[in-house]
Amino acid sequence: MWKMLNQFSQLIIMLIFGYLCWLMLEICLNYFPWSDSTNFLVLKQDVVNTQPWRFAFQIHVITSSLVLLAGFTQFSPSIRRNTPRLHRCAGWLYIVATLGLALPSGFILAFSANGGLSTQICFVILGSFWGASTLFALYYAFHKQWLKHRNWMIRSFALALSALSLRTWKLTLYQIQPYWDWLTPIHIYQLEAWLGWTINLFIAELIIYWLSIKKKSF
């Protein structure tokens, strides 16, 4: 019974994540072919046609869905058990796409983020934590310390998921905006930027703690 519930919960999680990734891909595709008046770019008219901002934005958009899909495969027990080569290849794809493309481009975008200094600091801290956790995950994989590797990958992927959770917080905050007069669009952007990754990291630590307790109980 417990095994069936566990499999069912994994299926639900995969379906939800797949749907969210599809939404993310749909958002990304809206920016191609390039138009400086598409969605978010309307708010970035001061930098939208400048370099390296434009190139960094395009790289960040292209790699977002790739990072999420590659990262998600790392937590599938069936993939790790039945197709370890796929697990390793997807892991390297996640590492390269994160450290080589998504992270550097994210830092460039962070310095001109909407919301002022608070939001810019937020995204710089997010990028620093994301990069550090990914490097730690890679380091422990090289040293075959799989438990530590898993824990740092959980942290890294939780931070990568801020691309999705940030938009979820945005929708939530706009729903409650009519009840709070002080909650202006600029405040919403600042809040969603911070909530988008801090809550994810908190949940990641809870998952790591739960896994450690579960391991000790067996």
C-alpha atoms as a PDB file:
ATOM      1  CA  MET A   1       0.000   0.000   0.000  1.00  0.00           C
ATOM      2  CA  TRP A   2       2.771   2.414   0.982  1.00  0.00           C
ATOM      3  CA  LYS A   3       4.678   1.539  -2.204  1.00  0.00           C
ATOM      4  CA  MET A   4       1.627   2.321  -4.335  1.00  0.00           C
ATOM      5  CA  LEU A   5       1.097   5.659  -2.585  1.00  0.00           C
ATOM      6  CA  ASN A   6       4.756   6.515  -3.058  1.00  0.00           C
ATOM      7  CA  GLN A   7       4.597   5.716  -6.770  1.00  0.00           C
ATOM      8  CA  PHE A   8       1.389   7.706  -7.138  1.00  0.00           C
ATOM      9  CA  SER A   9       2.886  10.742  -5.388  1.00  0.00           C
ATOM     10  CA  GLN A  10       5.951  10.544  -7.642  1.00  0.00           C
ATOM     11  CA  LEU A  11       3.692  10.443 -10.692  1.00  0.00           C
ATOM     12  CA  ILE A  12       1.753  13.496  -9.490  1.00  0.00           C
ATOM     13  CA  ILE A  13       4.980  15.393  -8.841  1.00  0.00           C
ATOM     14  CA  MET A  14       6.278  14.510 -12.306  1.00  0.00           C
ATOM     15  CA  LEU A  15       3.040  15.636 -13.963  1.00  0.00           C
ATOM     16  CA  ILE A  16       3.019  18.931 -12.067  1.00  0.00           C
ATOM     17  CA  PHE A  17       6.678  19.564 -12.822  1.00  0.00           C
ATOM     18  CA  GLY A  18       6.190  18.640 -16.477  1.00  0.00           C
ATOM     19  CA  TYR A  19       3.309  21.089 -16.737  1.00  0.00           C
ATOM     20  CA  LEU A  20       5.330  23.849 -15.091  1.00  0.00           C
ATOM     21  CA  CYS A  21       8.261  23.187 -17.420  1.00  0.00           C
ATOM     22  CA  TRP A  22       5.912  23.386 -20.375  1.00  0.00           C
ATOM     23  CA  LEU A  23       4.661  26.755 -19.137  1.00  0.00           C
ATOM     24  CA  MET A  24       8.266  27.880 -18.708  1.00  0.00           C
ATOM     25  CA  LEU A  25       9.104  26.757 -22.237  1.00  0.00           C
ATOM     26  CA  GLU A  26       6.032  28.537 -23.562  1.00  0.00           C
ATOM     27  CA  ILE A  27       7.134  31.763 -21.837  1.00  0.00           C
ATOM     28  CA  CYS A  28      10.644  31.401 -23.272  1.00  0.00           C
ATOM     29  CA  LEU A  29       9.382  30.787 -26.804  1.00  0.00           C
ATOM     30  CA  ASN A  30       7.421  34.046 -26.658  1.00  0.00           C
ATOM     31  CA  TYR A  31      10.711  35.916 -26.925  1.00  0.00           C
ATOM     32  CA  PHE A  32      11.590  34.322 -30.270  1.00  0.00           C
ATOM     33  CA  PRO A  33      11.630  35.738 -32.879  1.00  0.00           C
ATOM     34  CA  TRP A  34      13.134  38.678 -31.020  1.00  0.00           C
ATOM     35  CA  SER A  35      10.969  41.703 -30.295  1.00  0.00           C
ATOM     36  CA  ASP A  36      11.879  44.373 -27.766  1.00  0.00           C
ATOM     37  CA  SER A  37       8.207  44.894 -26.888  1.00  0.00           C
ATOM     38  CA  THR A  38       7.412  41.327 -25.797  1.00  0.00           C
ATOM     39  CA  ASN A  39       6.136  40.682 -22.254  1.00  0.00           C
ATOM     40  CA  PHE A  40       8.857  41.440 -19.690  1.00  0.00           C
ATOM     41  CA  LEU A  41      10.948  43.377 -22.217  1.00  0.00           C
ATOM     42  CA  VAL A  42       8.436  46.218 -22.211  1.00  0.00           C
ATOM     43  CA  LEU A  43       9.775  47.093 -18.741  1.00  0.00           C
ATOM     44  CA  LYS A  44      13.411  46.984 -19.873  1.00  0.00           C
ATOM     45  CA  GLN A  45      13.449  49.587 -22.621  1.00  0.00           C
ATOM     46  CA  ASP A  46      16.505  51.272 -21.088  1.00  0.00           C
ATOM     47  CA  VAL A  47      18.696  48.206 -21.663  1.00  0.00           C
ATOM     48  CA  VAL A  48      16.797  45.890 -23.998  1.00  0.00           C
ATOM     49  CA  ASN A  49      18.854  46.803 -27.065  1.00  0.00           C
ATOM     50  CA  THR A  50      22.204  47.166 -25.323  1.00  0.00           C
ATOM     51  CA  GLN A  51      24.982  44.629 -25.024  1.00  0.00           C
ATOM     52  CA  PRO A  52      25.791  42.470 -23.163  1.00  0.00           C
ATOM     53  CA  TRP A  53      22.289  42.656 -21.619  1.00  0.00           C
ATOM     54  CA  ARG A  54      20.417  41.487 -24.708  1.00  0.00           C
ATOM     55  CA  PHE A  55      22.762  38.556 -25.379  1.00  0.00           C
ATOM     56  CA  ALA A  56      22.691  37.562 -21.685  1.00  0.00           C
ATOM     57  CA  PHE A  57      18.888  37.647 -21.654  1.00  0.00           C
ATOM     58  CA  GLN A  58      18.633  35.445 -24.740  1.00  0.00           C
ATOM     59  CA  ILE A  59      21.110  32.925 -23.312  1.00  0.00           C
ATOM     60  CA  HIS A  60      19.304  32.911 -19.960  1.00  0.00           C
ATOM     61  CA  VAL A  61      15.940  32.323 -21.611  1.00  0.00           C
ATOM     62  CA  ILE A  62      17.223  29.527 -23.854  1.00  0.00           C
ATOM     63  CA  THR A  63      18.940  27.630 -21.034  1.00  0.00           C
ATOM     64  CA  SER A  64      16.177  27.983 -18.406  1.00  0.00           C
ATOM     65  CA  SER A  65      14.022  25.077 -19.551  1.00  0.00           C
ATOM     66  CA  LEU A  66      17.114  22.990 -20.339  1.00  0.00           C
ATOM     67  CA  VAL A  67      18.446  23.383 -16.786  1.00  0.00           C
ATOM     68  CA  LEU A  68      15.093  22.493 -15.229  1.00  0.00           C
ATOM     69  CA  LEU A  69      14.562  19.380 -17.346  1.00  0.00           C
ATOM     70  CA  ALA A  70      18.132  18.134 -16.898  1.00  0.00           C
ATOM     71  CA  GLY A  71      18.000  18.771 -13.160  1.00  0.00           C
ATOM     72  CA  PHE A  72      14.720  16.974 -12.663  1.00  0.00           C
ATOM     73  CA  THR A  73      16.131  13.715 -14.058  1.00  0.00           C
ATOM     74  CA  GLN A  74      18.734  13.696 -11.277  1.00  0.00           C
ATOM     75  CA  PHE A  75      16.092  12.854  -8.679  1.00  0.00           C
ATOM     76  CA  SER A  76      14.469   9.926 -10.455  1.00  0.00           C
ATOM     77  CA  PRO A  77      15.356   6.638  -8.668  1.00  0.00           C
ATOM     78  CA  SER A  78      14.415   4.619 -11.759  1.00  0.00           C
ATOM     79  CA  ILE A  79      16.774   6.626 -13.997  1.00  0.00           C
ATOM     80  CA  ARG A  80      19.634   6.336 -11.499  1.00  0.00           C
ATOM     81  CA  ARG A  81      19.034   2.609 -11.075  1.00  0.00           C
ATOM     82  CA  ASN A  82      18.160   1.509 -14.623  1.00  0.00           C
ATOM     83  CA  THR A  83      20.003   4.019 -16.809  1.00  0.00           C
ATOM     84  CA  PRO A  84      22.974   5.357 -14.829  1.00  0.00           C
ATOM     85  CA  ARG A  85      24.590   6.639 -18.018  1.00  0.00           C
ATOM     86  CA  LEU A  86      21.565   8.858 -18.696  1.00  0.00           C
ATOM     87  CA  HIS A  87      21.784  10.098 -15.104  1.00  0.00           C
ATOM     88  CA  ARG A  88      25.431  11.071 -15.581  1.00  0.00           C
ATOM     89  CA  CYS A  89      24.870  12.698 -18.986  1.00  0.00           C
ATOM     90  CA  ALA A  90      21.908  14.703 -17.708  1.00  0.00           C
ATOM     91  CA  GLY A  91      23.954  15.656 -14.661  1.00  0.00           C
ATOM     92  CA  TRP A  92      26.769  16.990 -16.819  1.00  0.00           C
ATOM     93  CA  LEU A  93      24.242  18.840 -18.958  1.00  0.00           C
ATOM     94  CA  TYR A  94      22.845  20.460 -15.811  1.00  0.00           C
ATOM     95  CA  ILE A  95      26.327  21.394 -14.562  1.00  0.00           C
ATOM     96  CA  VAL A  96      27.502  22.867 -17.885  1.00  0.00           C
ATOM     97  CA  ALA A  97      24.240  24.682 -18.622  1.00  0.00           C
ATOM     98  CA  THR A  98      24.141  26.126 -15.101  1.00  0.00           C
ATOM     99  CA  LEU A  99      27.768  27.126 -14.551  1.00  0.00           C
ATOM    100  CA  GLY A 100      28.617  27.903 -18.174  1.00  0.00           C
ATOM    101  CA  LEU A 101      25.471  29.650 -19.399  1.00  0.00           C
ATOM    102  CA  ALA A 102      22.550  30.286 -17.039  1.00  0.00           C
ATOM    103  CA  LEU A 103      24.602  31.536 -14.094  1.00  0.00           C
ATOM    104  CA  PRO A 104      26.932  33.986 -15.906  1.00  0.00           C
ATOM    105  CA  SER A 105      24.048  35.426 -17.932  1.00  0.00           C
ATOM    106  CA  GLY A 106      21.977  35.669 -14.745  1.00  0.00           C
ATOM    107  CA  PHE A 107      24.652  37.761 -13.055  1.00  0.00           C
ATOM    108  CA  ILE A 108      24.655  40.205 -15.995  1.00  0.00           C
ATOM    109  CA  LEU A 109      20.864  40.542 -15.758  1.00  0.00           C
ATOM    110  CA  ALA A 110      20.971  40.904 -11.964  1.00  0.00           C
ATOM    111  CA  PHE A 111      22.839  44.202 -12.061  1.00  0.00           C
ATOM    112  CA  SER A 112      20.017  45.879 -13.975  1.00  0.00           C
ATOM    113  CA  ALA A 113      17.089  44.088 -12.330  1.00  0.00           C
ATOM    114  CA  ASN A 114      13.869  45.988 -11.732  1.00  0.00           C
ATOM    115  CA  GLY A 115      13.085  46.930  -8.153  1.00  0.00           C
ATOM    116  CA  GLY A 116      16.287  48.781  -7.377  1.00  0.00           C
ATOM    117  CA  LEU A 117      19.196  47.786  -5.180  1.00  0.00           C
ATOM    118  CA  SER A 118      17.170  45.366  -3.039  1.00  0.00           C
ATOM    119  CA  THR A 119      16.252  43.197  -6.017  1.00  0.00           C
ATOM    120  CA  GLN A 120      19.716  43.429  -7.559  1.00  0.00           C
ATOM    121  CA  ILE A 121      21.297  42.231  -4.294  1.00  0.00           C
ATOM    122  CA  CYS A 122      18.686  39.462  -4.132  1.00  0.00           C
ATOM    123  CA  PHE A 123      19.578  38.065  -7.548  1.00  0.00           C
ATOM    124  CA  VAL A 124      23.325  38.343  -6.919  1.00  0.00           C
ATOM    125  CA  ILE A 125      22.949  36.353  -3.688  1.00  0.00           C
ATOM    126  CA  LEU A 126      20.733  33.820  -5.470  1.00  0.00           C
ATOM    127  CA  GLY A 127      23.311  33.393  -8.219  1.00  0.00           C
ATOM    128  CA  SER A 128      26.153  33.043  -5.706  1.00  0.00           C
ATOM    129  CA  PHE A 129      24.321  30.379  -3.692  1.00  0.00           C
ATOM    130  CA  TRP A 130      23.243  28.566  -6.851  1.00  0.00           C
ATOM    131  CA  GLY A 131      26.767  28.499  -8.243  1.00  0.00           C
ATOM    132  CA  ALA A 132      28.314  27.428  -4.920  1.00  0.00           C
ATOM    133  CA  SER A 133      25.810  24.624  -4.327  1.00  0.00           C
ATOM    134  CA  THR A 134      26.298  23.327  -7.886  1.00  0.00           C
ATOM    135  CA  LEU A 135      30.086  23.330  -7.466  1.00  0.00           C
ATOM    136  CA  PHE A 136      29.791  21.491  -4.148  1.00  0.00           C
ATOM    137  CA  ALA A 137      27.536  18.895  -5.783  1.00  0.00           C
ATOM    138  CA  LEU A 138      30.114  18.388  -8.526  1.00  0.00           C
ATOM    139  CA  TYR A 139      32.986  18.219  -6.021  1.00  0.00           C
ATOM    140  CA  TYR A 140      31.333  15.495  -3.948  1.00  0.00           C
ATOM    141  CA  ALA A 141      30.399  13.547  -7.079  1.00  0.00           C
ATOM    142  CA  PHE A 142      34.063  13.477  -8.089  1.00  0.00           C
ATOM    143  CA  HIS A 143      34.939  12.209  -4.609  1.00  0.00           C
ATOM    144  CA  LYS A 144      32.101   9.644  -4.689  1.00  0.00           C
ATOM    145  CA  GLN A 145      30.542  11.025  -1.514  1.00  0.00           C
ATOM    146  CA  TRP A 146      27.059  10.369  -2.824  1.00  0.00           C
ATOM    147  CA  LEU A 147      25.065  11.471   0.219  1.00  0.00           C
ATOM    148  CA  LYS A 148      26.692  14.899   0.241  1.00  0.00           C
ATOM    149  CA  HIS A 149      26.396  15.051  -3.551  1.00  0.00           C
ATOM    150  CA  ARG A 150      22.660  14.384  -3.308  1.00  0.00           C
ATOM    151  CA  ASN A 151      22.158  17.017  -0.602  1.00  0.00           C
ATOM    152  CA  TRP A 152      23.972  19.727  -2.544  1.00  0.00           C
ATOM    153  CA  MET A 153      22.101  18.828  -5.722  1.00  0.00           C
ATOM    154  CA  ILE A 154      18.843  19.233  -3.827  1.00  0.00           C
ATOM    155  CA  ARG A 155      19.954  22.719  -2.783  1.00  0.00           C
ATOM    156  CA  SER A 156      21.167  23.570  -6.278  1.00  0.00           C
ATOM    157  CA  PHE A 157      17.980  22.424  -7.979  1.00  0.00           C
ATOM    158  CA  ALA A 158      15.815  24.165  -5.385  1.00  0.00           C
ATOM    159  CA  LEU A 159      17.540  27.406  -6.356  1.00  0.00           C
ATOM    160  CA  ALA A 160      17.169  26.615 -10.057  1.00  0.00           C
ATOM    161  CA  LEU A 161      13.426  26.195  -9.464  1.00  0.00           C
ATOM    162  CA  SER A 162      13.231  29.841  -8.400  1.00  0.00           C
ATOM    163  CA  ALA A 163      12.559  30.520 -12.098  1.00  0.00           C
ATOM    164  CA  LEU A 164       9.191  28.819 -11.576  1.00  0.00           C
ATOM    165  CA  SER A 165       8.430  29.728  -7.968  1.00  0.00           C
ATOM    166  CA  LEU A 166       9.112  33.423  -8.627  1.00  0.00           C
ATOM    167  CA  ARG A 167       6.254  33.454 -11.128  1.00  0.00           C
ATOM    168  CA  THR A 168       4.018  31.525  -8.736  1.00  0.00           C
ATOM    169  CA  TRP A 169       4.632  34.103  -6.006  1.00  0.00           C
ATOM    170  CA  LYS A 170       3.916  36.859  -8.508  1.00  0.00           C
ATOM    171  CA  LEU A 171       0.471  35.428  -9.267  1.00  0.00           C
ATOM    172  CA  THR A 172      -0.227  34.934  -5.548  1.00  0.00           C
ATOM    173  CA  LEU A 173       0.827  38.442  -4.572  1.00  0.00           C
ATOM    174  CA  TYR A 174      -1.265  40.023  -7.310  1.00  0.00           C
ATOM    175  CA  GLN A 175      -4.272  38.090  -6.013  1.00  0.00           C
ATOM    176  CA  ILE A 176      -3.905  39.624  -2.553  1.00  0.00           C
ATOM    177  CA  GLN A 177      -2.864  43.078  -3.798  1.00  0.00           C
ATOM    178  CA  PRO A 178      -6.427  44.530  -3.635  1.00  0.00           C
ATOM    179  CA  TYR A 179      -6.479  43.892   0.131  1.00  0.00           C
ATOM    180  CA  TRP A 180      -3.159  45.610   0.872  1.00  0.00           C
ATOM    181  CA  ASP A 181      -2.862  49.193  -0.334  1.00  0.00           C
ATOM    182  CA  TRP A 182       0.895  49.309   0.202  1.00  0.00           C
ATOM    183  CA  LEU A 183       1.489  46.345  -2.110  1.00  0.00           C
ATOM    184  CA  THR A 184       2.444  48.209  -5.275  1.00  0.00           C
ATOM    185  CA  PRO A 185       3.824  46.482  -8.419  1.00  0.00           C
ATOM    186  CA  ILE A 186       7.377  47.415  -7.417  1.00  0.00           C
ATOM    187  CA  HIS A 187       6.874  45.901  -3.951  1.00  0.00           C
ATOM    188  CA  ILE A 188       5.442  42.763  -5.534  1.00  0.00           C
ATOM    189  CA  TYR A 189       8.512  42.390  -7.741  1.00  0.00           C
ATOM    190  CA  GLN A 190      10.840  42.846  -4.775  1.00  0.00           C
ATOM    191  CA  LEU A 191       8.914  40.322  -2.684  1.00  0.00           C
ATOM    192  CA  GLU A 192       8.622  37.708  -5.409  1.00  0.00           C
ATOM    193  CA  ALA A 193      12.350  37.989  -6.088  1.00  0.00           C
ATOM    194  CA  TRP A 194      13.238  37.181  -2.460  1.00  0.00           C
ATOM    195  CA  LEU A 195      10.454  34.669  -1.812  1.00  0.00           C
ATOM    196  CA  GLY A 196      11.191  32.884  -5.086  1.00  0.00           C
ATOM    197  CA  TRP A 197      14.412  31.335  -3.762  1.00  0.00           C
ATOM    198  CA  THR A 198      14.486  31.698   0.035  1.00  0.00           C
ATOM    199  CA  ILE A 199      11.369  29.566   0.518  1.00  0.00           C
ATOM    200  CA  ASN A 200      12.728  27.020  -1.968  1.00  0.00           C
ATOM    201  CA  LEU A 201      15.981  26.774  -0.027  1.00  0.00           C
ATOM    202  CA  PHE A 202      14.084  26.376   3.240  1.00  0.00           C
ATOM    203  CA  ILE A 203      12.037  23.527   1.729  1.00  0.00           C
ATOM    204  CA  ALA A 204      15.247  21.946   0.406  1.00  0.00           C
ATOM    205  CA  GLU A 205      16.709  21.903   3.919  1.00  0.00           C
ATOM    206  CA  LEU A 206      13.520  20.287   5.240  1.00  0.00           C
ATOM    207  CA  ILE A 207      13.775  17.603   2.538  1.00  0.00           C
ATOM    208  CA  ILE A 208      17.436  16.946   3.368  1.00  0.00           C
ATOM    209  CA  TYR A 209      16.584  16.694   7.075  1.00  0.00           C
ATOM    210  CA  TRP A 210      13.661  14.351   6.357  1.00  0.00           C
ATOM    211  CA  LEU A 211      15.860  12.116   4.190  1.00  0.00           C
ATOM    212  CA  SER A 212      18.490  11.931   6.927  1.00  0.00           C
ATOM    213  CA  ILE A 213      15.851  10.957   9.515  1.00  0.00           C
ATOM    214  CA  LYS A 214      14.384   8.394   7.110  1.00  0.00           C
ATOM    215  CA  LYS A 215      17.823   6.870   6.539  1.00  0.00           C
ATOM    216  CA  LYS A 216      18.472   6.565  10.286  1.00  0.00           C
ATOM    217  CA  SER A 217      15.118   4.872  10.856  1.00  0.00           C
ATOM    218  CA  PHE A 218      16.042   1.922   8.637  1.00  0.00           C
END
